[in-house]
Structure formats: C-alpha cells, structure tokens
Protein backbone atom coordinates (compact mmCIF):
# COMPACT_ATOMS: atom_id res chain seq x y z
CA UNK A 1 0.00 0.00 0.00
CA UNK A 2 1.27 3.47 -0.77
CA UNK A 3 0.59 6.79 0.87
CA UNK A 4 -2.48 7.41 -1.26
CA UNK A 5 -3.91 3.88 -0.97
CA UNK A 6 -7.31 3.45 0.61
CA UNK A 7 -7.32 2.52 4.29
CA UNK A 8 -9.09 -0.60 5.51
CA UNK A 9 -12.11 0.76 7.36
CA UNK A 10 -14.10 -1.05 10.06
CA UNK A 11 -17.22 -0.20 12.02
CA UNK A 12 -17.71 -3.10 14.45
CA UNK A 13 -15.82 -5.12 17.02
CA UNK A 14 -15.11 -8.02 14.65
CA UNK A 15 -13.66 -5.65 12.06
CA UNK A 16 -11.53 -3.93 14.68
CA UNK A 17 -10.14 -7.19 16.03
CA UNK A 18 -9.44 -8.42 12.47
CA UNK A 19 -7.48 -5.19 11.90
CA UNK A 20 -5.49 -5.89 15.10
CA UNK A 21 -4.54 -9.30 13.67
CA UNK A 22 -3.37 -7.67 10.42
CA UNK A 23 -1.40 -5.04 12.31
CA UNK A 24 0.38 -7.69 14.39
CA UNK A 25 1.21 -9.64 11.22
CA UNK A 26 2.81 -6.55 9.66
CA UNK A 27 4.63 -5.18 12.70
CA UNK A 28 8.36 -5.81 12.54
CA UNK A 29 10.53 -3.31 14.41
CA UNK A 30 8.26 -2.43 17.28
CA UNK A 31 4.74 -1.81 18.40
CA UNK A 32 3.33 1.21 20.24
CA UNK A 33 -0.16 0.91 21.71
CA UNK A 34 -2.34 3.61 23.23
CA UNK A 35 -5.59 2.21 24.61
CA UNK A 36 -8.02 2.57 27.47
CA UNK A 37 -7.52 -0.92 28.92
CA UNK A 38 -6.72 -3.38 26.06
CA UNK A 39 -10.03 -5.21 26.57
CA UNK A 40 -11.49 -4.45 23.12
CA UNK A 41 -8.27 -5.35 21.30
CA UNK A 42 -8.54 -9.07 22.21
CA UNK A 43 -4.76 -9.04 22.72
CA UNK A 44 -5.31 -11.19 25.83
CA UNK A 45 -6.86 -14.03 23.83
CA UNK A 46 -4.77 -17.13 23.34
CA UNK A 47 -4.31 -16.63 19.55
CA UNK A 48 -3.26 -12.96 19.94
CA UNK A 49 -0.84 -13.71 22.79
CA UNK A 50 0.69 -16.43 20.60
CA UNK A 51 0.85 -14.03 17.64
CA UNK A 52 2.53 -11.34 19.75
CA UNK A 53 4.92 -13.89 21.21
CA UNK A 54 5.81 -15.09 17.69
CA UNK A 55 6.45 -11.50 16.59
CA UNK A 56 8.80 -10.98 19.55
CA UNK A 57 10.57 -14.27 18.80
CA UNK A 58 10.87 -13.48 15.08
CA UNK A 59 12.64 -10.18 15.74
CA UNK A 60 14.90 -10.11 18.84
CA UNK A 61 15.20 -6.31 18.57
CA UNK A 62 11.43 -5.72 18.61
CA UNK A 63 9.99 -3.78 21.54
CA UNK A 64 6.42 -3.17 22.61
CA UNK A 65 5.38 -0.03 24.46
CA UNK A 66 1.88 0.26 25.88
CA UNK A 67 0.17 3.31 27.36
CA UNK A 68 -3.13 2.63 29.13
CA UNK A 69 -5.66 4.78 30.93
CA UNK A 70 -6.52 1.87 33.22
CA UNK A 71 -4.23 -1.11 33.80
CA UNK A 72 -6.60 -2.95 36.12
CA UNK A 73 -7.91 -5.32 33.42
CA UNK A 74 -4.37 -6.22 32.33
CA UNK A 75 -3.20 -6.83 35.88
CA UNK A 76 -6.24 -8.80 37.07
CA UNK A 77 -8.13 -10.29 34.11
CA UNK A 78 -5.56 -10.98 31.39
CA UNK A 79 -3.22 -13.64 32.79
CA UNK A 80 -1.87 -14.86 29.41
CA UNK A 81 -0.95 -11.39 28.26
CA UNK A 82 0.45 -10.41 31.65
CA UNK A 83 2.59 -13.57 31.70
CA UNK A 84 3.97 -12.71 28.24
CA UNK A 85 4.69 -9.17 29.45
CA UNK A 86 6.51 -10.60 32.49
CA UNK A 87 8.49 -13.10 30.41
CA UNK A 88 9.49 -10.34 27.98
CA UNK A 89 9.75 -7.55 30.58
CA UNK A 90 12.98 -6.32 29.01
CA UNK A 91 11.12 -5.75 25.72
CA UNK A 92 7.53 -5.03 26.75
CA UNK A 93 7.04 -1.78 28.66
CA UNK A 94 3.74 -0.58 30.08
CA UNK A 95 2.81 2.81 31.44
CA UNK A 96 -0.38 4.37 32.69
CA UNK A 97 -1.57 7.85 31.78
CA UNK A 98 -1.83 10.49 34.48
CA UNK A 99 -5.31 11.70 35.37
CA UNK A 100 -4.75 14.84 33.31
CA UNK A 101 -4.69 12.75 30.10
CA UNK A 102 -7.63 10.43 30.80
CA UNK A 103 -9.88 12.59 28.64
CA UNK A 104 -8.15 11.35 25.47
CA UNK A 105 -10.54 9.02 23.64
CA UNK A 106 -8.90 8.24 20.30
CA UNK A 107 -6.94 5.01 20.62
CA UNK A 108 -4.31 3.69 18.24
CA UNK A 109 -1.71 1.03 17.57
CA UNK A 110 1.40 1.87 15.64
CA UNK A 111 3.65 -0.72 14.06
CA UNK A 112 6.98 1.09 13.88
CA UNK A 113 7.83 1.67 10.23
CA UNK A 114 4.61 0.01 9.13
CA UNK A 115 0.90 -0.14 9.85
CA UNK A 116 -1.22 2.26 11.87
CA UNK A 117 -4.55 1.27 13.42
CA UNK A 118 -6.77 4.13 14.58
CA UNK A 119 -10.02 3.88 16.49
CA UNK A 120 -11.72 7.25 16.43
CA UNK A 121 -13.28 6.92 19.89
CA UNK A 122 -12.75 4.33 22.60
CA UNK A 123 -16.51 3.88 23.06
CA UNK A 124 -17.06 3.00 19.38
CA UNK A 125 -15.46 0.52 17.02
CA UNK A 126 -15.22 2.81 13.98
CA UNK A 127 -11.74 3.27 12.65
CA UNK A 128 -9.20 2.43 10.00
CA UNK A 129 -6.02 0.49 9.35
CA UNK A 130 -3.42 2.32 7.30
CA UNK A 131 -0.41 0.63 5.77
CA UNK A 132 2.35 2.63 4.15
CA UNK A 133 1.02 6.07 5.03
CA UNK A 134 4.32 7.50 6.23
CA UNK A 135 3.01 11.00 6.87
CA UNK A 136 0.19 9.94 9.19
CA UNK A 137 2.44 7.27 10.73
CA UNK A 138 5.02 9.92 11.63
CA UNK A 139 2.37 12.13 13.23
CA UNK A 140 1.14 9.27 15.43
CA UNK A 141 4.69 8.26 16.28
CA UNK A 142 5.29 11.77 17.58
CA UNK A 143 1.98 11.76 19.43
CA UNK A 144 2.81 8.43 21.09
CA UNK A 145 6.22 9.74 22.11
CA UNK A 146 4.57 12.69 23.81
CA UNK A 147 2.13 10.40 25.61
CA UNK A 148 4.96 8.07 26.65
CA UNK A 149 6.99 10.95 28.07
CA UNK A 150 3.96 12.29 29.97
CA UNK A 151 3.47 8.98 31.77
CA UNK A 152 5.61 8.66 34.85
CA UNK A 153 3.83 5.72 36.43
CA UNK A 154 5.25 2.46 35.16
CA UNK A 155 3.36 -0.79 35.59
CA UNK A 156 5.65 -3.50 36.82
CA UNK A 157 5.31 -6.95 35.28
CA UNK A 158 7.88 -8.70 37.46
CA UNK A 159 6.92 -10.50 40.67
CA UNK A 160 9.14 -8.40 42.90
CA UNK A 161 8.67 -5.07 41.14
CA UNK A 162 12.23 -4.98 39.88
C-alpha cells in the first residue's frame, strides 16, 4: 500500500479485532499501543498472545510499548498477556496515563515503520487500518512519544517489582 492507498475501514468489534490481527502480522521493528484498557483489542486471547509472542521471537530487537488509561484489566483479568509481558519484561514496557490525560478518547496502535490502526473513539469501534502512510504514521509516532513521556507511572510486570 502506498501513501495514497485506501485505508481498511471497520465499524464493528469483529472488524476492529481483524485489523489488530493484520497489524500484528505486519509489525516488525516495534509496536506502540495507546488504549483505554486493552479489553477491546482481544490481545489477551490465546491466539493474539501467541501471535505477539511469535512476533517478539521473530525479531529479537522488537519492543512493545503500551500506554493505558486503566491497567486494572491487564493486571487482574488478562493472565496470558500479563505472563507474556513478564516473560518479555525487558522488551515489553507498560505505562499508565496520568489523570490529566484520561480525557483522550482516540486510541491507536502503531507498528513502527509500518501499519497504523486508529479507532476514532474508545466507546465506538469505527476506525481504519493504514499501511504505508508514512506522513500519518510519523504524526502518530510523535503523538505516542509525547504520551509516553507524559506517563511517569510504570506498571511492573515482574513479581518483585524490579
């Protein structure tokens, strides 16, 4: 897909989760995720955890950075995903937004140097998957960097908090 190619649009949960699968398949160098709580992404399902684990195995330099508004679901209701995060704690980093940023409702996933998945509002499943749109990708990369820097609270995935 080139910069002027049509995005893959979705309007329901099944379409969104199918776009997540495609994004994971195309992500190579890294993955940046900004979400409310990861629940709607289905990343905690067995197939997605396996897919993410395979992506991390395929590329030893790959890193995953996650910014969440609420980490409670990850910490208490997503044991497979949390175990992967703990096993790959040197490559999977999770932060939580400060209260001052909890009003942000557009969520996105950014495959570094590749696909971009945007959900226009966290309460709705409308959105699009863009592949090869370097201009929009760069804008979201900068936006994620700003979010990442604004988050000072790290979520520890190791048993002893180290």
